[in-house]
Amino acid sequence: MSELLDTWAKLRKQLDQTDSKVLERLVNAYGLTYERITPEIDALVELIQAQMDAGKLTKESISKSSAYKKLIREIESELDDYSTWLKTEVKTASNDAAKQGLSAGKFLLLGALAGSLGVPVNEVPRELVNNAPPDALSFLADYLNPDGVLFGRIDKLSGYHADEIAAGILDLVSQGKNPRVIADFITDNYGVGLTDALRMTRTAQLYSYRQSATAVNKENADLLEGVVWCAELDDTCCMSCVALHGQVFPADFICDDHHNGRCAVLPWVKGMPNPIEQTGADWFATQSESVQREQMGDAKYEAWKDGKFELSQLTKDYDNDVFGTMKGEASLKDILGEEDANNG
């Protein structure tokens, strides 16, 4: 199975490189928007300090001030412009990722066949693997519809984050917080908009990549026992992905990992052993208690050690209005029920 895993490692590196370039553009563009609102932040902070020194600071005095109104207006304007630009970036990145997924799906199958034939991947006849059908990327039309759910979510970024910052400033003023604390709050919460943009863009890329790669597997289902979930097993891997590592699914299964998920599914060629030799559960069992406890969290670890649930129960399906069904880590309440979780 080394040819398949080596092939996936190379493809993963290519995907990461593409991903990092896109995300770097998003970060740089967002940084420029912050630079443009910095004078307005400074002006509001100066006003708050002056009113505080004069003993005249109130929530109402700030909410009615031109400095406050201008800052919120500028934040919303900057985020509106950024969202418009972001939709173009997401559309381009998703199309590119989908095309990359078609290529990756074929190379993964060639890597799997290399193991079964006992030859290097570059010696596997390309004609053994069928290309995805011509309509393999048709899903992009609905997915990237300007009036669709994904772009609708992006359109909400500006209003949501501007409202959160506006309300937070007034709340902190009413609490009598230091102006520098308020300035830090504005900076930190403005940054949350970038976090949302990065998460949506990266998940959109991965969704497109996996969707098209699955089209290749589906077209070559006669060669496969199925596909196998492959996680990057390390101390940052969520317990859902640990539990899923090594599980087998039908050939047409799309890797429905959570937001920002790093997992993939590998093709399992008929007549060959499962390409994942060690399941996530077996890997987890070899980790130290401190690693297990940190990765699970104290409450889950104690319940698991007490035999209250199996590792396989740590993954659950949830519905997302943009990406459909996704897999994520189940809470202790999900597994045991509220009463048993509280008693645990």
C-alpha atoms as a PDB file:
ATOM      1  CA  MET A   1       0.000   0.000   0.000  1.00  0.00           C
ATOM      2  CA  SER A   2       3.037   2.306   0.070  1.00  0.00           C
ATOM      3  CA  GLU A   3       2.410   3.483  -3.530  1.00  0.00           C
ATOM      4  CA  LEU A   4      -1.116   4.625  -2.653  1.00  0.00           C
ATOM      5  CA  LEU A   5      -0.085   6.363   0.570  1.00  0.00           C
ATOM      6  CA  ASP A   6       2.902   7.974  -1.127  1.00  0.00           C
ATOM      7  CA  THR A   7       0.632   9.170  -3.928  1.00  0.00           C
ATOM      8  CA  TRP A   8      -1.803  10.650  -1.418  1.00  0.00           C
ATOM      9  CA  ALA A   9       1.043  12.379   0.450  1.00  0.00           C
ATOM     10  CA  LYS A  10       2.169  14.070  -2.782  1.00  0.00           C
ATOM     11  CA  LEU A  11      -1.357  15.076  -3.720  1.00  0.00           C
ATOM     12  CA  ARG A  12      -1.957  16.382  -0.214  1.00  0.00           C
ATOM     13  CA  LYS A  13       1.153  18.529  -0.457  1.00  0.00           C
ATOM     14  CA  GLN A  14      -0.059  19.975  -3.753  1.00  0.00           C
ATOM     15  CA  LEU A  15      -3.475  20.693  -2.244  1.00  0.00           C
ATOM     16  CA  ASP A  16      -1.900  22.388   0.780  1.00  0.00           C
ATOM     17  CA  GLN A  17       0.250  24.582  -1.464  1.00  0.00           C
ATOM     18  CA  THR A  18      -2.764  25.677  -3.499  1.00  0.00           C
ATOM     19  CA  ASP A  19      -4.750  26.228  -0.329  1.00  0.00           C
ATOM     20  CA  SER A  20      -2.051  28.340   1.325  1.00  0.00           C
ATOM     21  CA  LYS A  21      -1.787  30.662  -1.693  1.00  0.00           C
ATOM     22  CA  VAL A  22      -5.529  31.320  -1.668  1.00  0.00           C
ATOM     23  CA  LEU A  23      -5.637  31.884   2.086  1.00  0.00           C
ATOM     24  CA  GLU A  24      -2.634  34.199   1.927  1.00  0.00           C
ATOM     25  CA  ARG A  25      -4.494  36.414  -0.542  1.00  0.00           C
ATOM     26  CA  LEU A  26      -7.512  36.488   1.757  1.00  0.00           C
ATOM     27  CA  VAL A  27      -5.408  37.428   4.788  1.00  0.00           C
ATOM     28  CA  ASN A  28      -3.523  40.178   2.966  1.00  0.00           C
ATOM     29  CA  ALA A  29      -6.693  41.716   1.556  1.00  0.00           C
ATOM     30  CA  TYR A  30      -8.376  41.629   4.967  1.00  0.00           C
ATOM     31  CA  GLY A  31      -5.340  43.284   6.547  1.00  0.00           C
ATOM     32  CA  LEU A  32      -5.744  46.218   4.190  1.00  0.00           C
ATOM     33  CA  THR A  33      -9.360  46.664   5.270  1.00  0.00           C
ATOM     34  CA  TYR A  34      -8.221  46.815   8.893  1.00  0.00           C
ATOM     35  CA  GLU A  35      -5.607  49.428   8.079  1.00  0.00           C
ATOM     36  CA  ARG A  36      -8.324  51.595   6.569  1.00  0.00           C
ATOM     37  CA  ILE A  37     -10.529  51.490   9.681  1.00  0.00           C
ATOM     38  CA  THR A  38      -7.658  52.022  12.141  1.00  0.00           C
ATOM     39  CA  PRO A  39      -7.969  55.848  12.127  1.00  0.00           C
ATOM     40  CA  GLU A  40     -11.659  55.492  13.024  1.00  0.00           C
ATOM     41  CA  ILE A  41     -10.822  53.103  15.868  1.00  0.00           C
ATOM     42  CA  ASP A  42      -8.240  55.564  17.195  1.00  0.00           C
ATOM     43  CA  ALA A  43     -10.710  58.439  16.979  1.00  0.00           C
ATOM     44  CA  LEU A  44     -13.341  56.538  18.964  1.00  0.00           C
ATOM     45  CA  VAL A  45     -10.824  55.463  21.595  1.00  0.00           C
ATOM     46  CA  GLU A  46      -9.676  59.067  22.021  1.00  0.00           C
ATOM     47  CA  LEU A  47     -13.281  60.185  22.458  1.00  0.00           C
ATOM     48  CA  ILE A  48     -13.978  57.493  25.059  1.00  0.00           C
ATOM     49  CA  GLN A  49     -10.813  58.463  26.955  1.00  0.00           C
ATOM     50  CA  ALA A  50     -11.722  62.162  26.870  1.00  0.00           C
ATOM     51  CA  GLN A  51     -15.253  61.542  28.123  1.00  0.00           C
ATOM     52  CA  MET A  52     -13.942  59.194  30.797  1.00  0.00           C
ATOM     53  CA  ASP A  53     -11.442  61.820  31.998  1.00  0.00           C
ATOM     54  CA  ALA A  54     -14.213  64.413  32.100  1.00  0.00           C
ATOM     55  CA  GLY A  55     -16.545  62.077  33.982  1.00  0.00           C
ATOM     56  CA  LYS A  56     -19.110  62.302  31.205  1.00  0.00           C
ATOM     57  CA  LEU A  57     -18.785  58.843  29.657  1.00  0.00           C
ATOM     58  CA  THR A  58     -22.065  57.011  29.125  1.00  0.00           C
ATOM     59  CA  LYS A  59     -23.341  54.381  26.759  1.00  0.00           C
ATOM     60  CA  GLU A  60     -25.752  56.929  25.310  1.00  0.00           C
ATOM     61  CA  SER A  61     -23.095  59.592  24.746  1.00  0.00           C
ATOM     62  CA  ILE A  62     -20.983  57.157  22.730  1.00  0.00           C
ATOM     63  CA  SER A  63     -23.878  55.664  20.768  1.00  0.00           C
ATOM     64  CA  LYS A  64     -24.877  59.178  19.636  1.00  0.00           C
ATOM     65  CA  SER A  65     -21.342  60.284  18.794  1.00  0.00           C
ATOM     66  CA  SER A  66     -20.207  60.805  15.219  1.00  0.00           C
ATOM     67  CA  ALA A  67     -16.985  58.863  15.946  1.00  0.00           C
ATOM     68  CA  TYR A  68     -18.929  55.735  16.928  1.00  0.00           C
ATOM     69  CA  LYS A  69     -21.350  55.992  14.021  1.00  0.00           C
ATOM     70  CA  LYS A  70     -18.568  56.574  11.524  1.00  0.00           C
ATOM     71  CA  LEU A  71     -16.541  53.594  12.770  1.00  0.00           C
ATOM     72  CA  ILE A  72     -19.473  51.191  12.478  1.00  0.00           C
ATOM     73  CA  ARG A  73     -20.369  52.599   9.075  1.00  0.00           C
ATOM     74  CA  GLU A  74     -16.781  52.160   7.862  1.00  0.00           C
ATOM     75  CA  ILE A  75     -16.586  48.620   9.241  1.00  0.00           C
ATOM     76  CA  GLU A  76     -19.741  47.632   7.399  1.00  0.00           C
ATOM     77  CA  SER A  77     -18.561  49.312   4.202  1.00  0.00           C
ATOM     78  CA  GLU A  78     -15.161  47.602   4.290  1.00  0.00           C
ATOM     79  CA  LEU A  79     -16.702  44.213   4.981  1.00  0.00           C
ATOM     80  CA  ASP A  80     -19.275  44.721   2.219  1.00  0.00           C
ATOM     81  CA  ASP A  81     -16.489  45.347  -0.279  1.00  0.00           C
ATOM     82  CA  TYR A  82     -14.458  42.447   1.072  1.00  0.00           C
ATOM     83  CA  SER A  83     -17.446  40.090   0.794  1.00  0.00           C
ATOM     84  CA  THR A  84     -17.985  41.056  -2.839  1.00  0.00           C
ATOM     85  CA  TRP A  85     -14.327  40.339  -3.584  1.00  0.00           C
ATOM     86  CA  LEU A  86     -14.432  37.145  -1.491  1.00  0.00           C
ATOM     87  CA  LYS A  87     -17.233  35.662  -3.599  1.00  0.00           C
ATOM     88  CA  THR A  88     -15.045  35.934  -6.680  1.00  0.00           C
ATOM     89  CA  GLU A  89     -12.155  34.311  -4.819  1.00  0.00           C
ATOM     90  CA  VAL A  90     -14.362  31.476  -3.566  1.00  0.00           C
ATOM     91  CA  LYS A  91     -15.755  30.854  -7.046  1.00  0.00           C
ATOM     92  CA  THR A  92     -12.275  30.716  -8.594  1.00  0.00           C
ATOM     93  CA  ALA A  93     -10.829  28.608  -5.778  1.00  0.00           C
ATOM     94  CA  SER A  94     -13.720  26.140  -5.866  1.00  0.00           C
ATOM     95  CA  ASN A  95     -13.500  25.690  -9.634  1.00  0.00           C
ATOM     96  CA  ASP A  96      -9.747  25.174  -9.437  1.00  0.00           C
ATOM     97  CA  ALA A  97     -10.101  22.739  -6.540  1.00  0.00           C
ATOM     98  CA  ALA A  98     -12.750  20.739  -8.399  1.00  0.00           C
ATOM     99  CA  LYS A  99     -10.458  20.357 -11.416  1.00  0.00           C
ATOM    100  CA  GLN A 100      -7.600  19.419  -9.125  1.00  0.00           C
ATOM    101  CA  GLY A 101      -9.844  16.824  -7.479  1.00  0.00           C
ATOM    102  CA  LEU A 102     -10.530  15.134 -10.816  1.00  0.00           C
ATOM    103  CA  SER A 103      -6.819  14.757 -11.399  1.00  0.00           C
ATOM    104  CA  ALA A 104      -6.183  13.661  -7.819  1.00  0.00           C
ATOM    105  CA  GLY A 105      -8.928  11.052  -7.951  1.00  0.00           C
ATOM    106  CA  LYS A 106      -7.360   9.438 -10.998  1.00  0.00           C
ATOM    107  CA  PHE A 107      -3.839   9.508  -9.552  1.00  0.00           C
ATOM    108  CA  LEU A 108      -5.038   7.957  -6.316  1.00  0.00           C
ATOM    109  CA  LEU A 109      -6.612   5.106  -8.256  1.00  0.00           C
ATOM    110  CA  LEU A 110      -3.399   4.650 -10.205  1.00  0.00           C
ATOM    111  CA  GLY A 111      -1.527   4.535  -6.910  1.00  0.00           C
ATOM    112  CA  ALA A 112      -3.915   1.913  -5.584  1.00  0.00           C
ATOM    113  CA  LEU A 113      -3.545  -0.155  -8.757  1.00  0.00           C
ATOM    114  CA  ALA A 114       0.230   0.150  -8.568  1.00  0.00           C
ATOM    115  CA  GLY A 115       0.122  -1.694  -5.268  1.00  0.00           C
ATOM    116  CA  SER A 116      -2.070  -4.449  -6.680  1.00  0.00           C
ATOM    117  CA  LEU A 117       0.096  -4.845  -9.798  1.00  0.00           C
ATOM    118  CA  GLY A 118       3.375  -4.588  -7.908  1.00  0.00           C
ATOM    119  CA  VAL A 119       4.763  -1.821 -10.123  1.00  0.00           C
ATOM    120  CA  PRO A 120       5.593   1.872  -9.599  1.00  0.00           C
ATOM    121  CA  VAL A 121       2.669   4.209 -10.127  1.00  0.00           C
ATOM    122  CA  ASN A 122       4.225   5.703 -13.264  1.00  0.00           C
ATOM    123  CA  GLU A 123       4.186   2.254 -14.908  1.00  0.00           C
ATOM    124  CA  VAL A 124       0.455   1.635 -14.416  1.00  0.00           C
ATOM    125  CA  PRO A 125      -1.342   1.905 -17.780  1.00  0.00           C
ATOM    126  CA  ARG A 126      -3.482   5.046 -17.646  1.00  0.00           C
ATOM    127  CA  GLU A 127      -6.254   3.353 -19.617  1.00  0.00           C
ATOM    128  CA  LEU A 128      -7.011   1.105 -16.645  1.00  0.00           C
ATOM    129  CA  VAL A 129      -8.703   4.047 -14.962  1.00  0.00           C
ATOM    130  CA  ASN A 130     -11.790   5.628 -16.485  1.00  0.00           C
ATOM    131  CA  ASN A 131     -12.039   9.393 -16.478  1.00  0.00           C
ATOM    132  CA  ALA A 132     -14.911  11.015 -14.645  1.00  0.00           C
ATOM    133  CA  PRO A 133     -17.970  11.699 -16.829  1.00  0.00           C
ATOM    134  CA  PRO A 134     -18.229  15.037 -18.686  1.00  0.00           C
ATOM    135  CA  ASP A 135     -20.811  16.337 -16.203  1.00  0.00           C
ATOM    136  CA  ALA A 136     -18.630  15.597 -13.157  1.00  0.00           C
ATOM    137  CA  LEU A 137     -18.330  19.292 -12.315  1.00  0.00           C
ATOM    138  CA  SER A 138     -21.979  20.147 -12.896  1.00  0.00           C
ATOM    139  CA  PHE A 139     -22.517  20.413  -9.128  1.00  0.00           C
ATOM    140  CA  LEU A 140     -20.594  23.712  -9.211  1.00  0.00           C
ATOM    141  CA  ALA A 141     -23.420  25.491 -11.028  1.00  0.00           C
ATOM    142  CA  ASP A 142     -25.811  25.169  -8.086  1.00  0.00           C
ATOM    143  CA  TYR A 143     -23.139  25.336  -5.434  1.00  0.00           C
ATOM    144  CA  LEU A 144     -21.693  28.614  -6.740  1.00  0.00           C
ATOM    145  CA  ASN A 145     -25.031  30.148  -7.709  1.00  0.00           C
ATOM    146  CA  PRO A 146     -24.888  33.888  -6.875  1.00  0.00           C
ATOM    147  CA  ASP A 147     -28.325  33.521  -5.296  1.00  0.00           C
ATOM    148  CA  GLY A 148     -27.416  30.286  -3.498  1.00  0.00           C
ATOM    149  CA  VAL A 149     -26.840  29.502   0.156  1.00  0.00           C
ATOM    150  CA  LEU A 150     -23.033  29.790   0.107  1.00  0.00           C
ATOM    151  CA  PHE A 151     -22.943  33.292  -1.354  1.00  0.00           C
ATOM    152  CA  GLY A 152     -25.892  34.256   0.811  1.00  0.00           C
ATOM    153  CA  ARG A 153     -23.838  33.325   3.858  1.00  0.00           C
ATOM    154  CA  ILE A 154     -20.920  35.426   2.612  1.00  0.00           C
ATOM    155  CA  ASP A 155     -23.278  38.383   2.107  1.00  0.00           C
ATOM    156  CA  LYS A 156     -24.160  38.238   5.812  1.00  0.00           C
ATOM    157  CA  LEU A 157     -20.570  38.681   6.989  1.00  0.00           C
ATOM    158  CA  SER A 158     -20.593  42.472   6.975  1.00  0.00           C
ATOM    159  CA  GLY A 159     -23.885  43.039   8.745  1.00  0.00           C
ATOM    160  CA  TYR A 160     -23.306  40.360  11.349  1.00  0.00           C
ATOM    161  CA  HIS A 161     -19.808  41.413  12.383  1.00  0.00           C
ATOM    162  CA  ALA A 162     -20.569  45.134  12.272  1.00  0.00           C
ATOM    163  CA  ASP A 163     -23.565  44.553  14.568  1.00  0.00           C
ATOM    164  CA  GLU A 164     -21.499  42.406  16.958  1.00  0.00           C
ATOM    165  CA  ILE A 165     -18.785  45.047  17.220  1.00  0.00           C
ATOM    166  CA  ALA A 166     -21.299  47.869  17.598  1.00  0.00           C
ATOM    167  CA  ALA A 167     -23.123  46.152  20.449  1.00  0.00           C
ATOM    168  CA  GLY A 168     -19.879  45.033  22.100  1.00  0.00           C
ATOM    169  CA  ILE A 169     -18.436  48.543  22.206  1.00  0.00           C
ATOM    170  CA  LEU A 170     -21.499  49.930  23.961  1.00  0.00           C
ATOM    171  CA  ASP A 171     -21.572  47.020  26.395  1.00  0.00           C
ATOM    172  CA  LEU A 172     -17.937  47.585  27.372  1.00  0.00           C
ATOM    173  CA  VAL A 173     -18.536  51.327  27.750  1.00  0.00           C
ATOM    174  CA  SER A 174     -21.443  50.639  30.081  1.00  0.00           C
ATOM    175  CA  GLN A 175     -19.125  48.436  32.144  1.00  0.00           C
ATOM    176  CA  GLY A 176     -16.604  51.269  32.420  1.00  0.00           C
ATOM    177  CA  LYS A 177     -13.846  49.356  30.668  1.00  0.00           C
ATOM    178  CA  ASN A 178     -10.544  51.023  29.835  1.00  0.00           C
ATOM    179  CA  PRO A 179     -10.449  52.498  26.292  1.00  0.00           C
ATOM    180  CA  ARG A 180      -7.509  50.258  25.374  1.00  0.00           C
ATOM    181  CA  VAL A 181      -9.585  47.217  26.336  1.00  0.00           C
ATOM    182  CA  ILE A 182     -12.294  48.474  24.006  1.00  0.00           C
ATOM    183  CA  ALA A 183      -9.748  49.008  21.225  1.00  0.00           C
ATOM    184  CA  ASP A 184      -8.486  45.443  21.671  1.00  0.00           C
ATOM    185  CA  PHE A 185     -12.065  44.182  21.564  1.00  0.00           C
ATOM    186  CA  ILE A 186     -12.677  45.933  18.245  1.00  0.00           C
ATOM    187  CA  THR A 187      -9.471  44.528  16.754  1.00  0.00           C
ATOM    188  CA  ASP A 188     -10.112  40.997  17.992  1.00  0.00           C
ATOM    189  CA  ASN A 189     -13.719  40.904  16.848  1.00  0.00           C
ATOM    190  CA  TYR A 190     -12.946  42.454  13.496  1.00  0.00           C
ATOM    191  CA  GLY A 191     -10.531  39.553  13.077  1.00  0.00           C
ATOM    192  CA  VAL A 192     -13.368  37.076  13.599  1.00  0.00           C
ATOM    193  CA  GLY A 193     -14.670  38.117  10.186  1.00  0.00           C
ATOM    194  CA  LEU A 194     -11.405  36.938   8.659  1.00  0.00           C
ATOM    195  CA  THR A 195     -11.653  33.641  10.525  1.00  0.00           C
ATOM    196  CA  ASP A 196     -15.123  33.125   9.069  1.00  0.00           C
ATOM    197  CA  ALA A 197     -13.930  33.994   5.567  1.00  0.00           C
ATOM    198  CA  LEU A 198     -10.974  31.604   5.776  1.00  0.00           C
ATOM    199  CA  ARG A 199     -13.116  28.775   7.115  1.00  0.00           C
ATOM    200  CA  MET A 200     -15.774  29.152   4.435  1.00  0.00           C
ATOM    201  CA  THR A 201     -13.237  29.436   1.630  1.00  0.00           C
ATOM    202  CA  ARG A 202     -11.144  26.483   2.735  1.00  0.00           C
ATOM    203  CA  THR A 203     -14.183  24.294   3.306  1.00  0.00           C
ATOM    204  CA  ALA A 204     -15.558  25.291  -0.111  1.00  0.00           C
ATOM    205  CA  GLN A 205     -12.272  24.271  -1.717  1.00  0.00           C
ATOM    206  CA  LEU A 206     -12.202  20.930   0.073  1.00  0.00           C
ATOM    207  CA  TYR A 207     -15.855  20.252  -0.709  1.00  0.00           C
ATOM    208  CA  SER A 208     -15.251  20.870  -4.418  1.00  0.00           C
ATOM    209  CA  TYR A 209     -12.068  18.783  -4.422  1.00  0.00           C
ATOM    210  CA  ARG A 210     -13.703  15.818  -2.702  1.00  0.00           C
ATOM    211  CA  GLN A 211     -16.879  15.979  -4.766  1.00  0.00           C
ATOM    212  CA  SER A 212     -14.990  15.725  -8.053  1.00  0.00           C
ATOM    213  CA  ALA A 213     -12.538  13.097  -6.759  1.00  0.00           C
ATOM    214  CA  THR A 214     -15.537  10.966  -5.794  1.00  0.00           C
ATOM    215  CA  ALA A 215     -16.834  11.180  -9.379  1.00  0.00           C
ATOM    216  CA  VAL A 216     -13.687   9.312 -10.449  1.00  0.00           C
ATOM    217  CA  ASN A 217     -14.187   6.599  -7.833  1.00  0.00           C
ATOM    218  CA  LYS A 218     -17.812   6.225  -8.834  1.00  0.00           C
ATOM    219  CA  GLU A 219     -16.856   5.830 -12.496  1.00  0.00           C
ATOM    220  CA  ASN A 220     -14.402   3.064 -11.518  1.00  0.00           C
ATOM    221  CA  ALA A 221     -16.545   1.361  -8.889  1.00  0.00           C
ATOM    222  CA  ASP A 222     -16.066  -2.042 -10.563  1.00  0.00           C
ATOM    223  CA  LEU A 223     -12.399  -1.934  -9.509  1.00  0.00           C
ATOM    224  CA  LEU A 224     -13.097  -1.147  -5.885  1.00  0.00           C
ATOM    225  CA  GLU A 225     -14.157  -2.805  -2.668  1.00  0.00           C
ATOM    226  CA  GLY A 226     -15.000   0.710  -1.547  1.00  0.00           C
ATOM    227  CA  VAL A 227     -13.148   3.711  -0.139  1.00  0.00           C
ATOM    228  CA  VAL A 228     -11.460   4.050   3.244  1.00  0.00           C
ATOM    229  CA  TRP A 229     -11.477   7.083   5.523  1.00  0.00           C
ATOM    230  CA  CYS A 230      -7.961   8.448   6.008  1.00  0.00           C
ATOM    231  CA  ALA A 231      -7.223  10.983   8.762  1.00  0.00           C
ATOM    232  CA  GLU A 232      -3.981  12.699   9.711  1.00  0.00           C
ATOM    233  CA  LEU A 233      -3.497  11.073  13.081  1.00  0.00           C
ATOM    234  CA  ASP A 234      -1.795  13.527  15.402  1.00  0.00           C
ATOM    235  CA  ASP A 235      -2.565  15.447  18.579  1.00  0.00           C
ATOM    236  CA  THR A 236      -4.651  18.014  16.667  1.00  0.00           C
ATOM    237  CA  CYS A 237      -6.930  15.437  15.027  1.00  0.00           C
ATOM    238  CA  CYS A 238     -10.463  15.588  16.403  1.00  0.00           C
ATOM    239  CA  MET A 239     -11.887  12.431  17.923  1.00  0.00           C
ATOM    240  CA  SER A 240     -14.475  12.096  15.165  1.00  0.00           C
ATOM    241  CA  CYS A 241     -11.716  11.723  12.590  1.00  0.00           C
ATOM    242  CA  VAL A 242      -9.722   9.404  14.857  1.00  0.00           C
ATOM    243  CA  ALA A 243     -12.783   7.171  15.142  1.00  0.00           C
ATOM    244  CA  LEU A 244     -13.395   7.243  11.380  1.00  0.00           C
ATOM    245  CA  HIS A 245      -9.824   6.471  10.320  1.00  0.00           C
ATOM    246  CA  GLY A 246      -9.845   3.093   8.554  1.00  0.00           C
ATOM    247  CA  GLN A 247     -13.636   2.834   8.209  1.00  0.00           C
ATOM    248  CA  VAL A 248     -14.897   1.555   4.851  1.00  0.00           C
ATOM    249  CA  PHE A 249     -17.579   3.247   2.745  1.00  0.00           C
ATOM    250  CA  PRO A 250     -19.110   2.624  -0.722  1.00  0.00           C
ATOM    251  CA  ALA A 251     -17.137   3.754  -3.779  1.00  0.00           C
ATOM    252  CA  ASP A 252     -19.466   6.732  -4.382  1.00  0.00           C
ATOM    253  CA  PHE A 253     -19.073   8.048  -0.823  1.00  0.00           C
ATOM    254  CA  ILE A 254     -18.001  11.702  -0.520  1.00  0.00           C
ATOM    255  CA  CYS A 255     -15.691  12.482   2.365  1.00  0.00           C
ATOM    256  CA  ASP A 256     -18.094  14.666   4.366  1.00  0.00           C
ATOM    257  CA  ASP A 257     -15.559  15.907   6.883  1.00  0.00           C
ATOM    258  CA  HIS A 258     -16.244  18.894   9.145  1.00  0.00           C
ATOM    259  CA  HIS A 259     -15.221  22.510   8.383  1.00  0.00           C
ATOM    260  CA  ASN A 260     -11.483  22.829   7.734  1.00  0.00           C
ATOM    261  CA  GLY A 261     -11.235  19.024   7.890  1.00  0.00           C
ATOM    262  CA  ARG A 262      -7.988  17.449   6.683  1.00  0.00           C
ATOM    263  CA  CYS A 263      -9.353  13.966   5.952  1.00  0.00           C
ATOM    264  CA  ALA A 264      -9.757  12.135   2.637  1.00  0.00           C
ATOM    265  CA  VAL A 265     -10.990   8.767   1.415  1.00  0.00           C
ATOM    266  CA  LEU A 266      -8.608   6.356  -0.293  1.00  0.00           C
ATOM    267  CA  PRO A 267      -9.677   3.845  -2.965  1.00  0.00           C
ATOM    268  CA  TRP A 268      -9.531   0.196  -1.905  1.00  0.00           C
ATOM    269  CA  VAL A 269      -8.839  -2.022  -4.916  1.00  0.00           C
ATOM    270  CA  LYS A 270     -10.486  -5.432  -5.036  1.00  0.00           C
ATOM    271  CA  GLY A 271      -8.227  -8.290  -4.015  1.00  0.00           C
ATOM    272  CA  MET A 272      -5.976  -6.042  -1.928  1.00  0.00           C
ATOM    273  CA  PRO A 273      -5.904  -5.507   1.846  1.00  0.00           C
ATOM    274  CA  ASN A 274      -7.423  -2.388   3.355  1.00  0.00           C
ATOM    275  CA  PRO A 275      -4.964   0.450   2.585  1.00  0.00           C
ATOM    276  CA  ILE A 276      -5.237   1.630   6.188  1.00  0.00           C
ATOM    277  CA  GLU A 277      -3.365  -0.968   8.212  1.00  0.00           C
ATOM    278  CA  GLN A 278      -3.968   0.594  11.648  1.00  0.00           C
ATOM    279  CA  THR A 279      -7.388   1.980  12.533  1.00  0.00           C
ATOM    280  CA  GLY A 280      -7.799   5.202  14.425  1.00  0.00           C
ATOM    281  CA  ALA A 281      -9.018   3.283  17.449  1.00  0.00           C
ATOM    282  CA  ASP A 282      -5.903   1.105  17.426  1.00  0.00           C
ATOM    283  CA  TRP A 283      -3.674   4.152  17.015  1.00  0.00           C
ATOM    284  CA  PHE A 284      -5.397   5.937  19.892  1.00  0.00           C
ATOM    285  CA  ALA A 285      -4.922   2.909  22.130  1.00  0.00           C
ATOM    286  CA  THR A 286      -1.147   3.221  21.713  1.00  0.00           C
ATOM    287  CA  GLN A 287      -1.058   6.837  22.914  1.00  0.00           C
ATOM    288  CA  SER A 288      -0.118   7.819  26.441  1.00  0.00           C
ATOM    289  CA  GLU A 289      -2.805   8.619  28.975  1.00  0.00           C
ATOM    290  CA  SER A 290      -1.842  12.298  28.922  1.00  0.00           C
ATOM    291  CA  VAL A 291      -2.272  12.452  25.121  1.00  0.00           C
ATOM    292  CA  GLN A 292      -5.574  10.572  25.271  1.00  0.00           C
ATOM    293  CA  ARG A 293      -6.896  12.828  28.016  1.00  0.00           C
ATOM    294  CA  GLU A 294      -5.859  16.011  26.236  1.00  0.00           C
ATOM    295  CA  GLN A 295      -7.324  14.892  22.926  1.00  0.00           C
ATOM    296  CA  MET A 296     -10.628  13.726  24.391  1.00  0.00           C
ATOM    297  CA  GLY A 297     -11.004  16.170  27.244  1.00  0.00           C
ATOM    298  CA  ASP A 298     -11.232  15.097  30.876  1.00  0.00           C
ATOM    299  CA  ALA A 299     -14.949  14.301  31.008  1.00  0.00           C
ATOM    300  CA  LYS A 300     -14.963  12.187  27.842  1.00  0.00           C
ATOM    301  CA  TYR A 301     -11.740  10.459  28.829  1.00  0.00           C
ATOM    302  CA  GLU A 302     -13.096   9.416  32.233  1.00  0.00           C
ATOM    303  CA  ALA A 303     -16.365   8.170  30.705  1.00  0.00           C
ATOM    304  CA  TRP A 304     -14.486   6.253  28.003  1.00  0.00           C
ATOM    305  CA  LYS A 305     -12.116   4.674  30.520  1.00  0.00           C
ATOM    306  CA  ASP A 306     -15.132   3.659  32.595  1.00  0.00           C
ATOM    307  CA  GLY A 307     -16.507   1.806  29.546  1.00  0.00           C
ATOM    308  CA  LYS A 308     -19.524   4.079  29.106  1.00  0.00           C
ATOM    309  CA  PHE A 309     -19.055   4.349  25.345  1.00  0.00           C
ATOM    310  CA  GLU A 310     -16.995   3.033  22.455  1.00  0.00           C
ATOM    311  CA  LEU A 311     -14.599   5.183  20.446  1.00  0.00           C
ATOM    312  CA  SER A 312     -16.777   4.707  17.357  1.00  0.00           C
ATOM    313  CA  GLN A 313     -19.535   6.728  19.070  1.00  0.00           C
ATOM    314  CA  LEU A 314     -17.420   9.877  18.987  1.00  0.00           C
ATOM    315  CA  THR A 315     -18.422  10.712  15.420  1.00  0.00           C
ATOM    316  CA  LYS A 316     -21.834  12.031  14.439  1.00  0.00           C
ATOM    317  CA  ASP A 317     -23.561  13.452  11.374  1.00  0.00           C
ATOM    318  CA  TYR A 318     -24.857  17.007  11.420  1.00  0.00           C
ATOM    319  CA  ASP A 319     -26.583  19.111   8.791  1.00  0.00           C
ATOM    320  CA  ASN A 320     -25.050  22.281   7.400  1.00  0.00           C
ATOM    321  CA  ASP A 321     -27.145  24.544   5.190  1.00  0.00           C
ATOM    322  CA  VAL A 322     -24.192  25.205   2.862  1.00  0.00           C
ATOM    323  CA  PHE A 323     -22.327  21.891   2.665  1.00  0.00           C
ATOM    324  CA  GLY A 324     -25.065  19.402   3.554  1.00  0.00           C
ATOM    325  CA  THR A 325     -24.368  16.468   5.859  1.00  0.00           C
ATOM    326  CA  MET A 326     -21.013  16.680   7.604  1.00  0.00           C
ATOM    327  CA  LYS A 327     -19.280  14.587  10.236  1.00  0.00           C
ATOM    328  CA  GLY A 328     -18.074  16.058  13.501  1.00  0.00           C
ATOM    329  CA  GLU A 329     -17.195  15.085  17.035  1.00  0.00           C
ATOM    330  CA  ALA A 330     -20.074  14.011  19.249  1.00  0.00           C
ATOM    331  CA  SER A 331     -20.385  15.589  22.681  1.00  0.00           C
ATOM    332  CA  LEU A 332     -20.705  13.539  25.839  1.00  0.00           C
ATOM    333  CA  LYS A 333     -24.339  14.663  25.976  1.00  0.00           C
ATOM    334  CA  ASP A 334     -24.857  13.339  22.420  1.00  0.00           C
ATOM    335  CA  ILE A 335     -23.469   9.962  23.450  1.00  0.00           C
ATOM    336  CA  LEU A 336     -24.803   9.443  26.970  1.00  0.00           C
ATOM    337  CA  GLY A 337     -27.781  11.765  27.140  1.00  0.00           C
ATOM    338  CA  GLU A 338     -27.991  14.875  29.276  1.00  0.00           C
ATOM    339  CA  GLU A 339     -28.579  13.204  32.638  1.00  0.00           C
ATOM    340  CA  ASP A 340     -25.780  10.631  32.330  1.00  0.00           C
ATOM    341  CA  ALA A 341     -23.396  13.234  30.913  1.00  0.00           C
ATOM    342  CA  ASN A 342     -24.001  15.530  33.895  1.00  0.00           C
ATOM    343  CA  ASN A 343     -23.591  12.666  36.334  1.00  0.00           C
ATOM    344  CA  GLY A 344     -20.383  11.585  34.609  1.00  0.00           C
END
